[in-house]
Full PDB file with SEQRES, HELIX, SHEET, SSBOND, CRYST1, ORIGX, SCALE, CONECT and MASTER records, all heavy atoms in Angstrom:
SEQRES   1 A   30  ILE GLN ASP LYS ILE GLY ASP GLU VAL LEU LEU LEU SER          
SEQRES   2 A   30  HIS SER VAL THR PRO ASN ILE ASP SER VAL ALA GLN LEU          
SEQRES   3 A   30  LYS LYS TYR ALA                                              
HELIX    1 AA1 GLN A    2  LYS A    4  5                                   3    
HELIX    2 AA2 VAL A   23  TYR A   29  1                                   7    
CRYST1    1.000    1.000    1.000  90.00  90.00  90.00 P 1           1          
ORIGX1      1.000000  0.000000  0.000000        0.00000                         
ORIGX2      0.000000  1.000000  0.000000        0.00000                         
ORIGX3      0.000000  0.000000  1.000000        0.00000                         
SCALE1      1.000000  0.000000  0.000000        0.00000                         
SCALE2      0.000000  1.000000  0.000000        0.00000                         
SCALE3      0.000000  0.000000  1.000000        0.00000                         
ATOM      1  N   ILE A   1      -7.857   9.559  -2.343  1.00  0.00           N  
ATOM      2  CA  ILE A   1      -8.463   9.528  -1.006  1.00  0.00           C  
ATOM      3  C   ILE A   1      -7.461   9.782   0.033  1.00  0.00           C  
ATOM      4  O   ILE A   1      -7.830  10.443   1.199  1.00  0.00           O  
ATOM      5  CB  ILE A   1      -9.094   8.049  -0.848  1.00  0.00           C  
ATOM      6  CG1 ILE A   1     -10.232   7.820  -1.915  1.00  0.00           C  
ATOM      7  CG2 ILE A   1      -9.511   7.751   0.543  1.00  0.00           C  
ATOM      8  CD1 ILE A   1     -10.800   6.459  -1.893  1.00  0.00           C  
ATOM      9  N   GLN A   2      -6.238   9.308  -0.121  1.00  0.00           N  
ATOM     10  CA  GLN A   2      -5.225   9.509   1.010  1.00  0.00           C  
ATOM     11  C   GLN A   2      -5.104  11.010   1.299  1.00  0.00           C  
ATOM     12  O   GLN A   2      -4.830  11.333   2.380  1.00  0.00           O  
ATOM     13  CB  GLN A   2      -3.907   8.981   0.472  1.00  0.00           C  
ATOM     14  CG  GLN A   2      -2.667   9.300   1.227  1.00  0.00           C  
ATOM     15  CD  GLN A   2      -1.389   8.855   0.481  1.00  0.00           C  
ATOM     16  OE1 GLN A   2      -0.754   7.939   0.941  1.00  0.00           O  
ATOM     17  NE2 GLN A   2      -0.978   9.631  -0.496  1.00  0.00           N  
ATOM     18  N   ASP A   3      -5.258  11.887   0.363  1.00  0.00           N  
ATOM     19  CA  ASP A   3      -5.023  13.241   0.484  1.00  0.00           C  
ATOM     20  C   ASP A   3      -6.214  13.932   1.191  1.00  0.00           C  
ATOM     21  O   ASP A   3      -6.146  15.105   1.497  1.00  0.00           O  
ATOM     22  CB  ASP A   3      -4.667  13.905  -0.814  1.00  0.00           C  
ATOM     23  CG  ASP A   3      -3.385  13.440  -1.479  1.00  0.00           C  
ATOM     24  OD1 ASP A   3      -2.478  13.049  -0.748  1.00  0.00           O  
ATOM     25  OD2 ASP A   3      -3.235  13.484  -2.638  1.00  0.00           O  
ATOM     26  N   LYS A   4      -7.374  13.125   1.312  1.00  0.00           N  
ATOM     27  CA  LYS A   4      -8.524  13.807   1.877  1.00  0.00           C  
ATOM     28  C   LYS A   4      -9.001  13.301   3.201  1.00  0.00           C  
ATOM     29  O   LYS A   4     -10.019  13.667   3.625  1.00  0.00           O  
ATOM     30  CB  LYS A   4      -9.612  13.608   0.733  1.00  0.00           C  
ATOM     31  CG  LYS A   4      -9.359  14.312  -0.598  1.00  0.00           C  
ATOM     32  CD  LYS A   4     -10.434  13.917  -1.604  1.00  0.00           C  
ATOM     33  CE  LYS A   4     -10.073  14.486  -2.966  1.00  0.00           C  
ATOM     34  NZ  LYS A   4     -11.028  14.115  -4.028  1.00  0.00           N  
ATOM     35  N   ILE A   5      -8.212  12.344   3.746  1.00  0.00           N  
ATOM     36  CA  ILE A   5      -8.618  11.706   5.017  1.00  0.00           C  
ATOM     37  C   ILE A   5      -7.812  12.216   6.202  1.00  0.00           C  
ATOM     38  O   ILE A   5      -6.695  12.648   5.964  1.00  0.00           O  
ATOM     39  CB  ILE A   5      -8.548  10.094   4.998  1.00  0.00           C  
ATOM     40  CG1 ILE A   5      -7.073   9.639   4.504  1.00  0.00           C  
ATOM     41  CG2 ILE A   5      -9.579   9.676   3.959  1.00  0.00           C  
ATOM     42  CD1 ILE A   5      -6.931   8.167   4.547  1.00  0.00           C  
ATOM     43  N   GLY A   6      -8.352  12.198   7.318  1.00  0.00           N  
ATOM     44  CA  GLY A   6      -7.642  12.717   8.474  1.00  0.00           C  
ATOM     45  C   GLY A   6      -6.821  11.528   9.140  1.00  0.00           C  
ATOM     46  O   GLY A   6      -6.814  10.352   8.706  1.00  0.00           O  
ATOM     47  N   ASP A   7      -6.385  11.747  10.289  1.00  0.00           N  
ATOM     48  CA  ASP A   7      -5.465  10.723  11.028  1.00  0.00           C  
ATOM     49  C   ASP A   7      -6.264   9.596  11.492  1.00  0.00           C  
ATOM     50  O   ASP A   7      -5.711   8.469  11.834  1.00  0.00           O  
ATOM     51  CB  ASP A   7      -4.728  11.462  12.177  1.00  0.00           C  
ATOM     52  CG  ASP A   7      -3.692  12.371  11.752  1.00  0.00           C  
ATOM     53  OD1 ASP A   7      -3.266  12.396  10.535  1.00  0.00           O  
ATOM     54  OD2 ASP A   7      -3.319  13.275  12.486  1.00  0.00           O  
ATOM     55  N   GLU A   8      -7.609   9.718  11.617  1.00  0.00           N  
ATOM     56  CA  GLU A   8      -8.397   8.603  12.128  1.00  0.00           C  
ATOM     57  C   GLU A   8      -8.757   7.581  11.120  1.00  0.00           C  
ATOM     58  O   GLU A   8      -9.457   6.570  11.419  1.00  0.00           O  
ATOM     59  CB  GLU A   8      -9.668   9.181  12.762  1.00  0.00           C  
ATOM     60  CG  GLU A   8     -10.663   9.696  11.824  1.00  0.00           C  
ATOM     61  CD  GLU A   8     -10.490  11.250  11.525  1.00  0.00           C  
ATOM     62  OE1 GLU A   8      -9.318  11.691  11.400  1.00  0.00           O  
ATOM     63  OE2 GLU A   8     -11.592  11.950  11.407  1.00  0.00           O  
ATOM     64  N   VAL A   9      -8.356   7.816   9.807  1.00  0.00           N  
ATOM     65  CA  VAL A   9      -8.721   6.778   8.818  1.00  0.00           C  
ATOM     66  C   VAL A   9      -7.395   6.300   8.109  1.00  0.00           C  
ATOM     67  O   VAL A   9      -6.456   7.092   7.915  1.00  0.00           O  
ATOM     68  CB  VAL A   9      -9.584   7.460   7.726  1.00  0.00           C  
ATOM     69  CG1 VAL A   9      -9.917   6.506   6.664  1.00  0.00           C  
ATOM     70  CG2 VAL A   9     -10.827   8.158   8.287  1.00  0.00           C  
ATOM     71  N   LEU A  10      -7.298   4.932   7.970  1.00  0.00           N  
ATOM     72  CA  LEU A  10      -6.134   4.379   7.199  1.00  0.00           C  
ATOM     73  C   LEU A  10      -6.442   3.610   6.159  1.00  0.00           C  
ATOM     74  O   LEU A  10      -7.688   3.425   5.752  1.00  0.00           O  
ATOM     75  CB  LEU A  10      -5.348   3.528   8.194  1.00  0.00           C  
ATOM     76  CG  LEU A  10      -4.835   4.044   9.558  1.00  0.00           C  
ATOM     77  CD1 LEU A  10      -4.275   3.044  10.497  1.00  0.00           C  
ATOM     78  CD2 LEU A  10      -3.751   5.103   9.311  1.00  0.00           C  
ATOM     79  N   LEU A  11      -5.527   3.366   5.177  1.00  0.00           N  
ATOM     80  CA  LEU A  11      -5.681   2.491   4.065  1.00  0.00           C  
ATOM     81  C   LEU A  11      -4.812   1.299   4.016  1.00  0.00           C  
ATOM     82  O   LEU A  11      -3.795   1.171   4.674  1.00  0.00           O  
ATOM     83  CB  LEU A  11      -5.314   3.442   2.841  1.00  0.00           C  
ATOM     84  CG  LEU A  11      -5.833   4.889   2.697  1.00  0.00           C  
ATOM     85  CD1 LEU A  11      -5.150   5.655   1.548  1.00  0.00           C  
ATOM     86  CD2 LEU A  11      -7.274   4.870   2.608  1.00  0.00           C  
ATOM     87  N   LEU A  12      -5.413   0.254   3.340  1.00  0.00           N  
ATOM     88  CA  LEU A  12      -4.710  -0.991   3.398  1.00  0.00           C  
ATOM     89  C   LEU A  12      -4.912  -1.706   2.042  1.00  0.00           C  
ATOM     90  O   LEU A  12      -5.908  -2.098   1.588  1.00  0.00           O  
ATOM     91  CB  LEU A  12      -5.359  -1.904   4.479  1.00  0.00           C  
ATOM     92  CG  LEU A  12      -4.756  -3.352   4.640  1.00  0.00           C  
ATOM     93  CD1 LEU A  12      -3.287  -3.352   4.950  1.00  0.00           C  
ATOM     94  CD2 LEU A  12      -5.515  -4.133   5.732  1.00  0.00           C  
ATOM     95  N   SER A  13      -3.745  -1.833   1.319  1.00  0.00           N  
ATOM     96  CA  SER A  13      -3.864  -2.528   0.039  1.00  0.00           C  
ATOM     97  C   SER A  13      -2.999  -3.884   0.036  1.00  0.00           C  
ATOM     98  O   SER A  13      -1.826  -3.943   0.350  1.00  0.00           O  
ATOM     99  CB  SER A  13      -3.200  -1.605  -1.082  1.00  0.00           C  
ATOM    100  OG  SER A  13      -4.026  -0.484  -1.192  1.00  0.00           O  
ATOM    101  N   HIS A  14      -3.695  -4.967  -0.251  1.00  0.00           N  
ATOM    102  CA  HIS A  14      -3.113  -6.270  -0.244  1.00  0.00           C  
ATOM    103  C   HIS A  14      -2.771  -6.750  -1.646  1.00  0.00           C  
ATOM    104  O   HIS A  14      -3.426  -6.645  -2.576  1.00  0.00           O  
ATOM    105  CB  HIS A  14      -4.253  -7.332   0.158  1.00  0.00           C  
ATOM    106  CG  HIS A  14      -4.899  -6.956   1.445  1.00  0.00           C  
ATOM    107  ND1 HIS A  14      -5.880  -6.040   1.507  1.00  0.00           N  
ATOM    108  CD2 HIS A  14      -4.810  -7.419   2.702  1.00  0.00           C  
ATOM    109  CE1 HIS A  14      -6.463  -5.992   2.743  1.00  0.00           C  
ATOM    110  NE2 HIS A  14      -5.731  -6.866   3.527  1.00  0.00           N  
ATOM    111  N   SER A  15      -1.439  -7.208  -1.818  1.00  0.00           N  
ATOM    112  CA  SER A  15      -1.030  -7.572  -3.059  1.00  0.00           C  
ATOM    113  C   SER A  15      -1.573  -9.037  -3.242  1.00  0.00           C  
ATOM    114  O   SER A  15      -1.476  -9.934  -2.409  1.00  0.00           O  
ATOM    115  CB  SER A  15       0.560  -7.784  -3.106  1.00  0.00           C  
ATOM    116  OG  SER A  15       0.925  -8.375  -4.297  1.00  0.00           O  
ATOM    117  N   VAL A  16      -2.112  -9.388  -4.482  1.00  0.00           N  
ATOM    118  CA  VAL A  16      -2.651 -10.656  -4.720  1.00  0.00           C  
ATOM    119  C   VAL A  16      -1.559 -11.504  -5.390  1.00  0.00           C  
ATOM    120  O   VAL A  16      -1.791 -12.662  -5.846  1.00  0.00           O  
ATOM    121  CB  VAL A  16      -3.826 -10.657  -5.596  1.00  0.00           C  
ATOM    122  CG1 VAL A  16      -4.999  -9.839  -4.851  1.00  0.00           C  
ATOM    123  CG2 VAL A  16      -3.730 -10.017  -6.993  1.00  0.00           C  
ATOM    124  N   THR A  17      -0.459 -10.798  -5.694  1.00  0.00           N  
ATOM    125  CA  THR A  17       0.725 -11.599  -6.233  1.00  0.00           C  
ATOM    126  C   THR A  17       1.916 -11.478  -5.389  1.00  0.00           C  
ATOM    127  O   THR A  17       2.900 -10.872  -5.744  1.00  0.00           O  
ATOM    128  CB  THR A  17       1.090 -11.144  -7.710  1.00  0.00           C  
ATOM    129  OG1 THR A  17       1.346  -9.793  -7.696  1.00  0.00           O  
ATOM    130  CG2 THR A  17      -0.036 -11.448  -8.574  1.00  0.00           C  
ATOM    131  N   PRO A  18       1.849 -11.981  -4.104  1.00  0.00           N  
ATOM    132  CA  PRO A  18       2.827 -11.684  -3.105  1.00  0.00           C  
ATOM    133  C   PRO A  18       4.258 -12.317  -3.509  1.00  0.00           C  
ATOM    134  O   PRO A  18       5.298 -11.841  -2.989  1.00  0.00           O  
ATOM    135  CB  PRO A  18       2.275 -12.352  -1.834  1.00  0.00           C  
ATOM    136  CG  PRO A  18       1.288 -13.243  -2.300  1.00  0.00           C  
ATOM    137  CD  PRO A  18       0.771 -12.731  -3.537  1.00  0.00           C  
ATOM    138  N   ASN A  19       4.229 -13.355  -4.324  1.00  0.00           N  
ATOM    139  CA  ASN A  19       5.493 -13.900  -4.772  1.00  0.00           C  
ATOM    140  C   ASN A  19       6.260 -12.942  -5.687  1.00  0.00           C  
ATOM    141  O   ASN A  19       7.458 -12.991  -5.757  1.00  0.00           O  
ATOM    142  CB  ASN A  19       5.261 -15.234  -5.549  1.00  0.00           C  
ATOM    143  CG  ASN A  19       4.348 -14.996  -6.720  1.00  0.00           C  
ATOM    144  OD1 ASN A  19       3.394 -14.342  -6.481  1.00  0.00           O  
ATOM    145  ND2 ASN A  19       4.602 -15.662  -7.859  1.00  0.00           N  
ATOM    146  N   ILE A  20       5.584 -12.053  -6.343  1.00  0.00           N  
ATOM    147  CA  ILE A  20       6.189 -11.045  -7.179  1.00  0.00           C  
ATOM    148  C   ILE A  20       6.355  -9.744  -6.383  1.00  0.00           C  
ATOM    149  O   ILE A  20       7.462  -9.042  -6.470  1.00  0.00           O  
ATOM    150  CB  ILE A  20       5.304 -10.701  -8.455  1.00  0.00           C  
ATOM    151  CG1 ILE A  20       5.243 -11.935  -9.351  1.00  0.00           C  
ATOM    152  CG2 ILE A  20       5.882  -9.539  -9.263  1.00  0.00           C  
ATOM    153  CD1 ILE A  20       4.264 -11.858 -10.510  1.00  0.00           C  
ATOM    154  N   ASP A  21       5.386  -9.360  -5.572  1.00  0.00           N  
ATOM    155  CA  ASP A  21       5.468  -8.077  -4.823  1.00  0.00           C  
ATOM    156  C   ASP A  21       6.160  -8.281  -3.468  1.00  0.00           C  
ATOM    157  O   ASP A  21       5.691  -8.371  -2.430  1.00  0.00           O  
ATOM    158  CB  ASP A  21       4.046  -7.627  -4.616  1.00  0.00           C  
ATOM    159  CG  ASP A  21       3.394  -7.225  -5.874  1.00  0.00           C  
ATOM    160  OD1 ASP A  21       4.160  -6.740  -6.797  1.00  0.00           O  
ATOM    161  OD2 ASP A  21       2.206  -7.240  -6.133  1.00  0.00           O  
ATOM    162  N   SER A  22       7.510  -8.345  -3.568  1.00  0.00           N  
ATOM    163  CA  SER A  22       8.424  -8.391  -2.502  1.00  0.00           C  
ATOM    164  C   SER A  22       8.363  -7.036  -1.733  1.00  0.00           C  
ATOM    165  O   SER A  22       7.771  -6.111  -2.246  1.00  0.00           O  
ATOM    166  CB  SER A  22       9.825  -8.686  -2.879  1.00  0.00           C  
ATOM    167  OG  SER A  22      10.293  -7.640  -3.703  1.00  0.00           O  
ATOM    168  N   VAL A  23       8.966  -6.848  -0.625  1.00  0.00           N  
ATOM    169  CA  VAL A  23       8.973  -5.669   0.109  1.00  0.00           C  
ATOM    170  C   VAL A  23       9.678  -4.549  -0.623  1.00  0.00           C  
ATOM    171  O   VAL A  23       9.095  -3.403  -0.777  1.00  0.00           O  
ATOM    172  CB  VAL A  23       9.735  -5.791   1.518  1.00  0.00           C  
ATOM    173  CG1 VAL A  23      10.066  -4.352   2.127  1.00  0.00           C  
ATOM    174  CG2 VAL A  23       8.884  -6.754   2.444  1.00  0.00           C  
ATOM    175  N   ALA A  24      10.738  -4.824  -1.362  1.00  0.00           N  
ATOM    176  CA  ALA A  24      11.415  -4.095  -2.068  1.00  0.00           C  
ATOM    177  C   ALA A  24      10.554  -3.492  -3.389  1.00  0.00           C  
ATOM    178  O   ALA A  24      10.598  -2.274  -3.702  1.00  0.00           O  
ATOM    179  CB  ALA A  24      12.643  -4.601  -2.715  1.00  0.00           C  
ATOM    180  N   GLN A  25       9.816  -4.461  -3.984  1.00  0.00           N  
ATOM    181  CA  GLN A  25       8.993  -4.036  -5.096  1.00  0.00           C  
ATOM    182  C   GLN A  25       7.783  -3.133  -4.594  1.00  0.00           C  
ATOM    183  O   GLN A  25       7.488  -2.158  -5.240  1.00  0.00           O  
ATOM    184  CB  GLN A  25       8.346  -5.349  -5.703  1.00  0.00           C  
ATOM    185  CG  GLN A  25       7.333  -5.060  -6.864  1.00  0.00           C  
ATOM    186  CD  GLN A  25       7.874  -4.413  -8.033  1.00  0.00           C  
ATOM    187  OE1 GLN A  25       9.128  -4.330  -8.140  1.00  0.00           O  
ATOM    188  NE2 GLN A  25       7.027  -4.082  -8.980  1.00  0.00           N  
ATOM    189  N   LEU A  26       7.268  -3.406  -3.394  1.00  0.00           N  
ATOM    190  CA  LEU A  26       6.172  -2.552  -2.884  1.00  0.00           C  
ATOM    191  C   LEU A  26       6.747  -1.244  -2.564  1.00  0.00           C  
ATOM    192  O   LEU A  26       6.093  -0.168  -2.792  1.00  0.00           O  
ATOM    193  CB  LEU A  26       5.575  -3.232  -1.622  1.00  0.00           C  
ATOM    194  CG  LEU A  26       4.691  -4.500  -1.874  1.00  0.00           C  
ATOM    195  CD1 LEU A  26       4.310  -4.975  -0.470  1.00  0.00           C  
ATOM    196  CD2 LEU A  26       3.537  -4.172  -2.721  1.00  0.00           C  
ATOM    197  N   LYS A  27       7.992  -1.122  -2.109  1.00  0.00           N  
ATOM    198  CA  LYS A  27       8.540   0.104  -1.676  1.00  0.00           C  
ATOM    199  C   LYS A  27       8.712   0.996  -2.915  1.00  0.00           C  
ATOM    200  O   LYS A  27       8.459   2.210  -2.948  1.00  0.00           O  
ATOM    201  CB  LYS A  27       9.862  -0.038  -0.978  1.00  0.00           C  
ATOM    202  CG  LYS A  27      10.407   1.261  -0.431  1.00  0.00           C  
ATOM    203  CD  LYS A  27       9.533   1.855   0.658  1.00  0.00           C  
ATOM    204  CE  LYS A  27      10.136   3.203   1.177  1.00  0.00           C  
ATOM    205  NZ  LYS A  27       9.253   3.860   2.168  1.00  0.00           N  
ATOM    206  N   LYS A  28       9.232   0.375  -3.930  1.00  0.00           N  
ATOM    207  CA  LYS A  28       9.448   1.127  -5.255  1.00  0.00           C  
ATOM    208  C   LYS A  28       8.052   1.621  -5.770  1.00  0.00           C  
ATOM    209  O   LYS A  28       7.971   2.836  -6.172  1.00  0.00           O  
ATOM    210  CB  LYS A  28      10.005   0.085  -6.329  1.00  0.00           C  
ATOM    211  CG  LYS A  28      10.304   0.726  -7.676  1.00  0.00           C  
ATOM    212  CD  LYS A  28      11.005  -0.341  -8.466  1.00  0.00           C  
ATOM    213  CE  LYS A  28      11.243   0.197  -9.957  1.00  0.00           C  
ATOM    214  NZ  LYS A  28       9.876   0.241 -10.646  1.00  0.00           N  
ATOM    215  N   TYR A  29       7.035   0.780  -5.695  1.00  0.00           N  
ATOM    216  CA  TYR A  29       5.747   1.151  -6.076  1.00  0.00           C  
ATOM    217  C   TYR A  29       5.205   2.242  -5.276  1.00  0.00           C  
ATOM    218  O   TYR A  29       4.633   3.202  -5.767  1.00  0.00           O  
ATOM    219  CB  TYR A  29       4.831  -0.114  -6.082  1.00  0.00           C  
ATOM    220  CG  TYR A  29       3.397   0.081  -6.651  1.00  0.00           C  
ATOM    221  CD1 TYR A  29       3.223  -0.043  -8.098  1.00  0.00           C  
ATOM    222  CD2 TYR A  29       2.319   0.215  -6.005  1.00  0.00           C  
ATOM    223  CE1 TYR A  29       2.089   0.043  -8.634  1.00  0.00           C  
ATOM    224  CE2 TYR A  29       1.056   0.360  -6.597  1.00  0.00           C  
ATOM    225  CZ  TYR A  29       0.936   0.360  -7.874  1.00  0.00           C  
ATOM    226  OH  TYR A  29      -0.326   0.385  -8.470  1.00  0.00           O  
ATOM    227  N   ALA A  30       5.423   2.163  -3.966  1.00  0.00           N  
ATOM    228  CA  ALA A  30       4.845   3.201  -2.946  1.00  0.00           C  
ATOM    229  C   ALA A  30       5.393   4.663  -3.278  1.00  0.00           C  
ATOM    230  O   ALA A  30       4.879   5.560  -3.393  1.00  0.00           O  
ATOM    231  CB  ALA A  30       5.155   2.832  -1.629  1.00  0.00           C  
TER     232      ALA A  30                                                      
MASTER        0    0    0    2    0    0    0    6  231    1    0    3          
END                                                                             
């Protein structure tokens, strides 16, 4: 979907295990 949307549309994914998903972990995943 990211590849098919224009600048007027954004995406937001919330981690449900924030104690595991640190900023560094999210960056690696990203």
